[in-house]
Amino acid sequence: MPSDISTKAMLSGMPVAELQSGFRDAFGRVAATVGVLGVRDHDGRVLGMTATAISALSNEPPSLVAMVNNQNATARLIRERKQFTVTFLAAGSEELASQLSQPGQSKVIGEEHLEHPPGWPMPVLRDVTASMACELDTRFEQFTHDILVGRITHVRTSHGPADPLLYLERRFLRLSA
């Protein structure tokens, strides 16, 4: 029995593989800031996953949405622990971004990459453009992904001009001034 996407693609006359490839290519042309969602596991380690589908939701209350693969171990832990951090990486963080995005690589974030802001519920990444701690408010499961709504409880930004790490056409880029 074909899936919904297969049925709709066949009805539109476009083969499923072609539709999926076109989808990846189209969204690959949209530059996005590289974010990392982090969560503390039962042993106190911080696990992370990269994400480019993160957006502000509301200022009242301060909140955001993040779309993450629901099969990812970090995503499963966020569902269980009901809290997470979001950091937007700065240029120069390509190695960490690659580690946290590649299947088979460790998702544990080493202590050398973390700092512990006073009063925050968990550590955050160092040398980033912005950091936020969130409580998981709502989770929607849609296809292969979870749509997470996080209520922001803590926030801070870097000093000086932002120098974000960007992702475009399946590679990391820096924003040129």
N, C-alpha and C. Protein backbone atom coordinates (compact mmCIF):
# COMPACT_ATOMS: atom_id res chain seq x y z
N MET A 1 0.85 -1.19 0.00
CA MET A 1 0.00 0.00 0.00
C MET A 1 0.89 1.24 0.00
N PRO A 2 0.73 2.15 -0.97
CA PRO A 2 1.58 3.33 -1.01
C PRO A 2 1.25 4.31 0.11
N SER A 3 2.27 5.08 0.54
CA SER A 3 2.05 6.09 1.57
C SER A 3 1.29 7.26 0.96
N ASP A 4 0.86 8.21 1.83
CA ASP A 4 0.15 9.39 1.34
C ASP A 4 0.98 10.15 0.33
N ILE A 5 2.29 10.32 0.62
CA ILE A 5 3.15 11.06 -0.31
C ILE A 5 3.25 10.34 -1.65
N SER A 6 3.33 9.00 -1.60
CA SER A 6 3.40 8.24 -2.85
C SER A 6 2.13 8.42 -3.65
N THR A 7 0.98 8.34 -3.00
CA THR A 7 -0.30 8.48 -3.68
C THR A 7 -0.43 9.86 -4.29
N LYS A 8 -0.13 10.90 -3.51
CA LYS A 8 -0.25 12.27 -4.02
C LYS A 8 0.74 12.53 -5.13
N ALA A 9 1.97 12.02 -5.00
CA ALA A 9 2.97 12.23 -6.04
C ALA A 9 2.54 11.53 -7.33
N MET A 10 1.99 10.32 -7.20
CA MET A 10 1.54 9.61 -8.40
C MET A 10 0.39 10.36 -9.07
N LEU A 11 -0.51 10.93 -8.25
CA LEU A 11 -1.63 11.67 -8.81
C LEU A 11 -1.16 12.93 -9.52
N SER A 12 -0.08 13.52 -9.01
CA SER A 12 0.42 14.74 -9.65
C SER A 12 1.25 14.43 -10.88
N GLY A 13 1.59 13.16 -11.08
CA GLY A 13 2.38 12.79 -12.23
C GLY A 13 3.87 12.85 -11.99
N MET A 14 4.31 13.24 -10.80
CA MET A 14 5.73 13.34 -10.50
C MET A 14 6.14 12.12 -9.68
N PRO A 15 7.14 11.39 -10.11
CA PRO A 15 7.60 10.22 -9.33
C PRO A 15 8.08 10.64 -7.94
N VAL A 16 7.86 9.78 -6.96
CA VAL A 16 8.18 10.08 -5.57
C VAL A 16 9.65 10.46 -5.40
N ALA A 17 10.56 9.68 -5.97
CA ALA A 17 11.99 9.97 -5.82
C ALA A 17 12.33 11.35 -6.37
N GLU A 18 11.72 11.70 -7.49
CA GLU A 18 11.97 13.01 -8.10
C GLU A 18 11.42 14.13 -7.21
N LEU A 19 10.24 13.92 -6.65
CA LEU A 19 9.62 14.89 -5.75
C LEU A 19 10.50 15.10 -4.52
N GLN A 20 10.96 14.01 -3.90
CA GLN A 20 11.79 14.11 -2.70
C GLN A 20 13.13 14.78 -3.01
N SER A 21 13.74 14.45 -4.14
CA SER A 21 15.00 15.07 -4.54
C SER A 21 14.81 16.56 -4.78
N GLY A 22 13.73 16.91 -5.44
CA GLY A 22 13.42 18.32 -5.68
C GLY A 22 13.18 19.08 -4.39
N PHE A 23 12.51 18.42 -3.45
CA PHE A 23 12.27 19.02 -2.14
C PHE A 23 13.59 19.36 -1.46
N ARG A 24 14.52 18.38 -1.43
CA ARG A 24 15.83 18.61 -0.80
C ARG A 24 16.58 19.74 -1.51
N ASP A 25 16.55 19.73 -2.82
CA ASP A 25 17.25 20.77 -3.58
C ASP A 25 16.64 22.15 -3.33
N ALA A 26 15.32 22.23 -3.31
CA ALA A 26 14.65 23.52 -3.11
C ALA A 26 14.99 24.10 -1.74
N PHE A 27 14.85 23.29 -0.69
CA PHE A 27 15.14 23.81 0.64
C PHE A 27 16.63 23.94 0.90
N GLY A 28 17.45 23.24 0.13
CA GLY A 28 18.89 23.40 0.22
C GLY A 28 19.34 24.78 -0.25
N ARG A 29 18.49 25.46 -0.99
CA ARG A 29 18.81 26.79 -1.51
C ARG A 29 18.38 27.89 -0.55
N VAL A 30 17.86 27.51 0.60
CA VAL A 30 17.43 28.48 1.60
C VAL A 30 18.47 28.48 2.71
N ALA A 31 19.19 29.59 2.85
CA ALA A 31 20.21 29.68 3.90
C ALA A 31 19.54 29.68 5.27
N ALA A 32 20.17 28.98 6.22
CA ALA A 32 19.63 28.91 7.57
C ALA A 32 20.78 28.97 8.57
N THR A 33 20.52 29.59 9.70
CA THR A 33 21.49 29.60 10.78
C THR A 33 21.50 28.22 11.41
N VAL A 34 22.70 27.73 11.71
CA VAL A 34 22.83 26.40 12.31
C VAL A 34 22.61 26.51 13.82
N GLY A 35 21.63 25.77 14.29
CA GLY A 35 21.33 25.72 15.72
C GLY A 35 21.65 24.35 16.27
N VAL A 36 21.81 24.29 17.58
CA VAL A 36 21.99 23.02 18.27
C VAL A 36 20.98 22.96 19.40
N LEU A 37 20.20 21.87 19.43
CA LEU A 37 19.34 21.60 20.56
C LEU A 37 20.11 20.69 21.49
N GLY A 38 20.12 21.04 22.76
CA GLY A 38 20.84 20.25 23.75
C GLY A 38 19.91 19.79 24.86
N VAL A 39 20.27 18.66 25.46
CA VAL A 39 19.48 18.12 26.57
C VAL A 39 20.41 17.31 27.46
N ARG A 40 20.15 17.34 28.74
CA ARG A 40 20.96 16.58 29.69
C ARG A 40 20.36 15.18 29.86
N ASP A 41 21.23 14.16 29.77
CA ASP A 41 20.73 12.79 29.94
C ASP A 41 20.72 12.41 31.42
N HIS A 42 20.36 11.16 31.72
CA HIS A 42 20.22 10.70 33.10
C HIS A 42 21.55 10.64 33.83
N ASP A 43 22.66 10.61 33.08
CA ASP A 43 24.00 10.59 33.68
C ASP A 43 24.60 11.98 33.80
N GLY A 44 23.85 13.01 33.42
CA GLY A 44 24.35 14.38 33.52
C GLY A 44 25.10 14.87 32.29
N ARG A 45 25.28 14.00 31.30
CA ARG A 45 25.96 14.44 30.07
C ARG A 45 25.00 15.26 29.22
N VAL A 46 25.56 16.15 28.40
CA VAL A 46 24.73 16.94 27.49
C VAL A 46 24.84 16.33 26.11
N LEU A 47 23.69 15.98 25.53
CA LEU A 47 23.62 15.47 24.17
C LEU A 47 23.07 16.58 23.28
N GLY A 48 23.51 16.59 22.03
CA GLY A 48 23.05 17.63 21.13
C GLY A 48 22.73 17.12 19.75
N MET A 49 21.99 17.92 19.02
CA MET A 49 21.67 17.64 17.62
C MET A 49 21.58 18.97 16.89
N THR A 50 22.08 19.00 15.66
CA THR A 50 21.95 20.23 14.87
C THR A 50 20.54 20.33 14.31
N ALA A 51 20.14 21.57 14.08
CA ALA A 51 18.83 21.84 13.48
C ALA A 51 18.90 23.19 12.78
N THR A 52 18.28 23.26 11.62
CA THR A 52 18.18 24.55 10.94
C THR A 52 16.74 25.03 10.88
N ALA A 53 15.81 24.21 11.32
CA ALA A 53 14.40 24.59 11.32
C ALA A 53 14.01 25.02 12.73
N ILE A 54 14.48 26.21 13.11
CA ILE A 54 14.19 26.81 14.42
C ILE A 54 13.71 28.23 14.15
N SER A 55 12.64 28.62 14.81
CA SER A 55 12.10 29.95 14.55
C SER A 55 11.46 30.52 15.81
N ALA A 56 11.49 31.85 15.91
CA ALA A 56 10.76 32.53 16.96
C ALA A 56 9.28 32.25 16.77
N LEU A 57 8.55 32.09 17.86
CA LEU A 57 7.11 31.86 17.78
C LEU A 57 6.35 33.07 18.29
N SER A 58 6.62 33.46 19.54
CA SER A 58 5.85 34.53 20.16
C SER A 58 6.71 35.25 21.19
N ASN A 59 6.42 36.51 21.40
CA ASN A 59 7.08 37.27 22.46
C ASN A 59 6.26 37.22 23.74
N GLU A 60 4.99 36.81 23.65
CA GLU A 60 4.13 36.71 24.82
C GLU A 60 3.42 35.37 24.83
N PRO A 61 3.92 34.35 25.49
CA PRO A 61 5.19 34.34 26.22
C PRO A 61 6.35 34.11 25.24
N PRO A 62 7.56 34.48 25.64
CA PRO A 62 8.71 34.21 24.77
C PRO A 62 8.78 32.71 24.48
N SER A 63 8.74 32.38 23.18
CA SER A 63 8.68 30.97 22.79
C SER A 63 9.26 30.80 21.39
N LEU A 64 9.56 29.55 21.07
CA LEU A 64 10.12 29.21 19.77
C LEU A 64 9.56 27.89 19.31
N VAL A 65 9.76 27.59 18.02
CA VAL A 65 9.44 26.28 17.48
C VAL A 65 10.70 25.70 16.86
N ALA A 66 10.84 24.40 16.99
CA ALA A 66 11.96 23.69 16.37
C ALA A 66 11.42 22.40 15.79
N MET A 67 11.86 22.08 14.58
CA MET A 67 11.45 20.85 13.93
C MET A 67 12.65 19.91 13.93
N VAL A 68 12.44 18.71 14.50
CA VAL A 68 13.54 17.75 14.66
C VAL A 68 13.09 16.36 14.26
N ASN A 69 14.02 15.57 13.74
CA ASN A 69 13.73 14.19 13.37
C ASN A 69 13.33 13.43 14.64
N ASN A 70 12.17 12.81 14.63
CA ASN A 70 11.68 12.18 15.87
C ASN A 70 12.36 10.85 16.18
N GLN A 71 13.23 10.36 15.29
CA GLN A 71 13.98 9.13 15.57
C GLN A 71 15.33 9.42 16.21
N ASN A 72 15.71 10.68 16.28
CA ASN A 72 16.99 11.07 16.85
C ASN A 72 16.97 10.85 18.37
N ALA A 73 18.06 10.30 18.91
CA ALA A 73 18.14 10.02 20.35
C ALA A 73 17.99 11.29 21.18
N THR A 74 18.55 12.39 20.70
CA THR A 74 18.43 13.66 21.42
C THR A 74 16.98 14.11 21.45
N ALA A 75 16.27 13.97 20.33
CA ALA A 75 14.86 14.35 20.29
C ALA A 75 14.04 13.50 21.25
N ARG A 76 14.33 12.21 21.30
CA ARG A 76 13.61 11.33 22.24
C ARG A 76 13.85 11.75 23.68
N LEU A 77 15.08 12.15 23.98
CA LEU A 77 15.42 12.58 25.34
C LEU A 77 14.75 13.91 25.68
N ILE A 78 14.64 14.81 24.72
CA ILE A 78 13.92 16.08 24.94
C ILE A 78 12.46 15.79 25.28
N ARG A 79 11.83 14.85 24.57
CA ARG A 79 10.43 14.50 24.86
C ARG A 79 10.31 13.99 26.30
N GLU A 80 11.28 13.20 26.72
CA GLU A 80 11.24 12.61 28.06
C GLU A 80 11.55 13.63 29.16
N ARG A 81 12.59 14.44 28.96
CA ARG A 81 13.06 15.37 30.00
C ARG A 81 12.24 16.66 30.06
N LYS A 82 11.59 17.01 28.96
CA LYS A 82 10.70 18.18 28.88
C LYS A 82 11.43 19.52 29.04
N GLN A 83 12.75 19.53 28.79
CA GLN A 83 13.48 20.78 28.75
C GLN A 83 14.67 20.62 27.82
N PHE A 84 15.10 21.74 27.24
CA PHE A 84 16.20 21.69 26.29
C PHE A 84 16.79 23.08 26.13
N THR A 85 17.95 23.15 25.51
CA THR A 85 18.55 24.42 25.17
C THR A 85 18.59 24.55 23.65
N VAL A 86 18.62 25.78 23.20
CA VAL A 86 18.83 26.09 21.79
C VAL A 86 19.97 27.08 21.73
N THR A 87 20.98 26.76 20.95
CA THR A 87 22.07 27.70 20.71
C THR A 87 22.24 27.86 19.22
N PHE A 88 22.52 29.07 18.80
CA PHE A 88 22.82 29.34 17.40
C PHE A 88 24.32 29.46 17.28
N LEU A 89 24.91 28.59 16.46
CA LEU A 89 26.36 28.50 16.37
C LEU A 89 26.96 29.71 15.67
N ALA A 90 28.18 30.04 16.10
CA ALA A 90 28.95 31.09 15.46
C ALA A 90 29.85 30.47 14.40
N ALA A 91 30.26 31.28 13.44
CA ALA A 91 31.22 30.83 12.43
C ALA A 91 32.44 30.27 13.16
N GLY A 92 33.01 29.21 12.61
CA GLY A 92 34.13 28.54 13.25
C GLY A 92 33.73 27.29 14.01
N SER A 93 32.42 27.02 14.09
CA SER A 93 31.91 25.86 14.83
C SER A 93 31.58 24.69 13.92
N GLU A 94 32.15 24.66 12.73
CA GLU A 94 31.80 23.65 11.74
C GLU A 94 32.07 22.23 12.24
N GLU A 95 33.17 22.03 12.95
CA GLU A 95 33.50 20.67 13.42
C GLU A 95 32.45 20.13 14.37
N LEU A 96 32.04 20.95 15.34
CA LEU A 96 31.00 20.52 16.27
C LEU A 96 29.67 20.30 15.54
N ALA A 97 29.33 21.20 14.63
CA ALA A 97 28.09 21.05 13.87
C ALA A 97 28.09 19.74 13.09
N SER A 98 29.22 19.41 12.48
CA SER A 98 29.32 18.16 11.73
C SER A 98 29.16 16.95 12.64
N GLN A 99 29.82 16.98 13.79
CA GLN A 99 29.74 15.87 14.74
C GLN A 99 28.29 15.62 15.15
N LEU A 100 27.57 16.69 15.43
CA LEU A 100 26.20 16.55 15.94
C LEU A 100 25.17 16.28 14.85
N SER A 101 25.58 16.36 13.59
CA SER A 101 24.62 16.12 12.51
C SER A 101 24.85 14.80 11.78
N GLN A 102 26.01 14.19 11.94
CA GLN A 102 26.35 12.98 11.20
C GLN A 102 25.86 11.72 11.91
N PRO A 103 25.13 10.87 11.21
CA PRO A 103 24.74 9.58 11.80
C PRO A 103 26.00 8.80 12.20
N GLY A 104 25.92 8.15 13.33
CA GLY A 104 27.03 7.32 13.79
C GLY A 104 28.06 8.08 14.62
N GLN A 105 28.03 9.41 14.61
CA GLN A 105 28.95 10.20 15.43
C GLN A 105 28.35 10.37 16.82
N SER A 106 29.22 10.54 17.81
CA SER A 106 28.76 10.76 19.18
C SER A 106 27.96 12.06 19.25
N LYS A 107 26.87 12.03 19.96
CA LYS A 107 26.04 13.22 20.17
C LYS A 107 26.32 13.85 21.54
N VAL A 108 27.28 13.27 22.27
CA VAL A 108 27.66 13.83 23.57
C VAL A 108 28.53 15.05 23.32
N ILE A 109 28.17 16.16 23.94
CA ILE A 109 28.93 17.39 23.80
C ILE A 109 29.97 17.42 24.91
N GLY A 110 31.23 17.51 24.53
CA GLY A 110 32.32 17.52 25.50
C GLY A 110 32.29 18.76 26.38
N GLU A 111 32.75 18.58 27.60
CA GLU A 111 32.77 19.67 28.58
C GLU A 111 33.53 20.89 28.06
N GLU A 112 34.53 20.68 27.20
CA GLU A 112 35.31 21.80 26.67
C GLU A 112 34.46 22.73 25.80
N HIS A 113 33.30 22.27 25.35
CA HIS A 113 32.40 23.09 24.52
C HIS A 113 31.29 23.75 25.34
N LEU A 114 31.24 23.44 26.64
CA LEU A 114 30.11 23.88 27.47
C LEU A 114 30.51 24.94 28.49
N GLU A 115 29.53 25.73 28.86
CA GLU A 115 29.66 26.62 30.01
C GLU A 115 28.39 26.50 30.83
N HIS A 116 28.49 26.89 32.08
CA HIS A 116 27.39 26.71 33.04
C HIS A 116 26.96 28.08 33.56
N PRO A 117 26.08 28.79 32.83
CA PRO A 117 25.65 30.11 33.31
C PRO A 117 24.94 30.00 34.66
N PRO A 118 25.26 30.89 35.59
CA PRO A 118 24.60 30.86 36.90
C PRO A 118 23.08 30.97 36.77
N GLY A 119 22.37 30.10 37.47
CA GLY A 119 20.91 30.14 37.48
C GLY A 119 20.24 29.43 36.31
N TRP A 120 21.01 28.96 35.34
CA TRP A 120 20.42 28.25 34.20
C TRP A 120 20.17 26.80 34.58
N PRO A 121 19.14 26.18 34.02
CA PRO A 121 18.82 24.79 34.37
C PRO A 121 19.80 23.77 33.81
N MET A 122 20.59 24.14 32.82
CA MET A 122 21.55 23.22 32.23
C MET A 122 22.63 24.00 31.49
N PRO A 123 23.74 23.35 31.20
CA PRO A 123 24.82 24.03 30.47
C PRO A 123 24.42 24.37 29.04
N VAL A 124 25.14 25.32 28.45
CA VAL A 124 24.96 25.71 27.06
C VAL A 124 26.31 25.73 26.37
N LEU A 125 26.28 25.79 25.05
CA LEU A 125 27.51 25.83 24.29
C LEU A 125 28.21 27.18 24.44
N ARG A 126 29.53 27.14 24.40
CA ARG A 126 30.36 28.36 24.43
C ARG A 126 30.42 28.97 23.03
N ASP A 127 30.82 30.24 23.01
CA ASP A 127 31.16 30.92 21.75
C ASP A 127 30.07 30.78 20.68
N VAL A 128 28.87 31.15 21.03
CA VAL A 128 27.74 31.08 20.12
C VAL A 128 27.14 32.47 19.95
N THR A 129 26.25 32.65 18.98
CA THR A 129 25.63 33.96 18.80
C THR A 129 24.49 34.20 19.78
N ALA A 130 23.80 33.14 20.18
CA ALA A 130 22.70 33.27 21.14
C ALA A 130 22.44 31.92 21.79
N SER A 131 21.98 31.97 23.05
CA SER A 131 21.62 30.76 23.80
C SER A 131 20.28 30.97 24.47
N MET A 132 19.48 29.91 24.52
CA MET A 132 18.19 29.95 25.20
C MET A 132 17.95 28.62 25.91
N ALA A 133 17.37 28.69 27.08
CA ALA A 133 16.90 27.49 27.77
C ALA A 133 15.39 27.47 27.62
N CYS A 134 14.83 26.29 27.39
CA CYS A 134 13.39 26.16 27.12
C CYS A 134 12.79 25.02 27.92
N GLU A 135 11.52 25.19 28.25
CA GLU A 135 10.70 24.09 28.75
C GLU A 135 9.84 23.64 27.58
N LEU A 136 9.72 22.34 27.40
CA LEU A 136 8.89 21.82 26.32
C LEU A 136 7.43 22.06 26.67
N ASP A 137 6.77 22.89 25.89
CA ASP A 137 5.37 23.22 26.13
C ASP A 137 4.45 22.25 25.40
N THR A 138 4.71 22.07 24.10
CA THR A 138 3.85 21.23 23.26
C THR A 138 4.71 20.52 22.24
N ARG A 139 4.28 19.33 21.88
CA ARG A 139 4.96 18.56 20.84
C ARG A 139 3.91 18.02 19.88
N PHE A 140 4.13 18.26 18.60
CA PHE A 140 3.27 17.71 17.56
C PHE A 140 4.11 16.75 16.74
N GLU A 141 3.60 15.56 16.51
CA GLU A 141 4.29 14.61 15.64
C GLU A 141 3.71 14.75 14.24
N GLN A 142 4.58 14.96 13.27
CA GLN A 142 4.13 15.09 11.89
C GLN A 142 5.12 14.38 10.98
N PHE A 143 4.68 13.31 10.36
CA PHE A 143 5.51 12.51 9.46
C PHE A 143 6.76 12.02 10.20
N THR A 144 7.94 12.37 9.72
CA THR A 144 9.19 11.89 10.34
C THR A 144 9.71 12.82 11.42
N HIS A 145 9.02 13.93 11.65
CA HIS A 145 9.54 14.95 12.55
C HIS A 145 8.58 15.30 13.69
N ASP A 146 9.17 15.85 14.74
CA ASP A 146 8.42 16.45 15.83
C ASP A 146 8.51 17.96 15.67
N ILE A 147 7.42 18.63 15.92
CA ILE A 147 7.39 20.09 15.99
C ILE A 147 7.35 20.40 17.49
N LEU A 148 8.43 20.97 17.99
CA LEU A 148 8.54 21.27 19.41
C LEU A 148 8.24 22.74 19.65
N VAL A 149 7.38 23.02 20.61
CA VAL A 149 7.14 24.40 21.04
C VAL A 149 7.81 24.53 22.40
N GLY A 150 8.78 25.42 22.47
CA GLY A 150 9.51 25.64 23.71
C GLY A 150 9.22 27.00 24.28
N ARG A 151 8.91 27.02 25.59
CA ARG A 151 8.77 28.30 26.31
C ARG A 151 10.16 28.67 26.80
N ILE A 152 10.62 29.82 26.39
CA ILE A 152 11.98 30.26 26.72
C ILE A 152 12.00 30.75 28.16
N THR A 153 12.92 30.20 28.96
CA THR A 153 13.05 30.59 30.36
C THR A 153 14.30 31.42 30.64
N HIS A 154 15.30 31.29 29.79
CA HIS A 154 16.56 32.04 29.92
C HIS A 154 17.05 32.36 28.51
N VAL A 155 17.68 33.52 28.36
CA VAL A 155 18.22 33.90 27.06
C VAL A 155 19.42 34.81 27.25
N ARG A 156 20.38 34.68 26.33
CA ARG A 156 21.49 35.62 26.29
C ARG A 156 22.08 35.61 24.88
N THR A 157 22.70 36.72 24.54
CA THR A 157 23.33 36.85 23.23
C THR A 157 24.81 37.17 23.41
N SER A 158 25.57 36.95 22.36
CA SER A 158 27.00 37.25 22.40
C SER A 158 27.21 38.75 22.38
N HIS A 159 28.39 39.15 22.78
CA HIS A 159 28.76 40.57 22.71
C HIS A 159 29.34 40.84 21.33
N GLY A 160 29.14 42.03 20.84
CA GLY A 160 29.68 42.37 19.53
C GLY A 160 28.76 41.92 18.42
N PRO A 161 29.22 42.10 17.18
CA PRO A 161 28.36 41.73 16.04
C PRO A 161 28.17 40.22 15.94
N ALA A 162 27.01 39.84 15.47
CA ALA A 162 26.72 38.41 15.26
C ALA A 162 27.56 37.90 14.10
N ASP A 163 28.06 36.70 14.24
CA ASP A 163 28.83 36.05 13.18
C ASP A 163 28.34 34.61 13.09
N PRO A 164 27.11 34.42 12.56
CA PRO A 164 26.49 33.09 12.60
C PRO A 164 27.10 32.10 11.62
N LEU A 165 27.03 30.84 11.99
CA LEU A 165 27.36 29.76 11.08
C LEU A 165 26.10 29.47 10.27
N LEU A 166 26.22 29.47 8.94
CA LEU A 166 25.08 29.25 8.07
C LEU A 166 25.21 27.91 7.36
N TYR A 167 24.08 27.39 6.90
CA TYR A 167 24.06 26.16 6.13
C TYR A 167 23.30 26.45 4.85
N LEU A 168 23.95 26.17 3.71
CA LEU A 168 23.35 26.43 2.41
C LEU A 168 23.92 25.43 1.42
N GLU A 169 23.04 24.83 0.64
CA GLU A 169 23.43 23.85 -0.37
C GLU A 169 24.35 22.76 0.19
N ARG A 170 23.93 22.25 1.34
CA ARG A 170 24.59 21.12 2.02
C ARG A 170 26.03 21.41 2.45
N ARG A 171 26.30 22.67 2.79
CA ARG A 171 27.64 23.00 3.30
C ARG A 171 27.52 24.19 4.25
N PHE A 172 28.51 24.29 5.14
CA PHE A 172 28.57 25.38 6.10
C PHE A 172 29.22 26.59 5.46
N LEU A 173 28.69 27.76 5.78
CA LEU A 173 29.20 29.02 5.25
C LEU A 173 29.26 30.07 6.35
N ARG A 174 30.06 31.08 6.11
CA ARG A 174 30.11 32.24 7.00
C ARG A 174 29.44 33.41 6.27
N LEU A 175 28.85 34.28 7.05
CA LEU A 175 28.23 35.47 6.49
C LEU A 175 29.32 36.50 6.23
N SER A 176 29.44 36.95 5.01
CA SER A 176 30.46 37.95 4.67
C SER A 176 29.88 39.34 4.91
N ALA A 177 30.68 40.17 5.54
CA ALA A 177 30.23 41.54 5.84
C ALA A 177 30.24 42.37 4.58
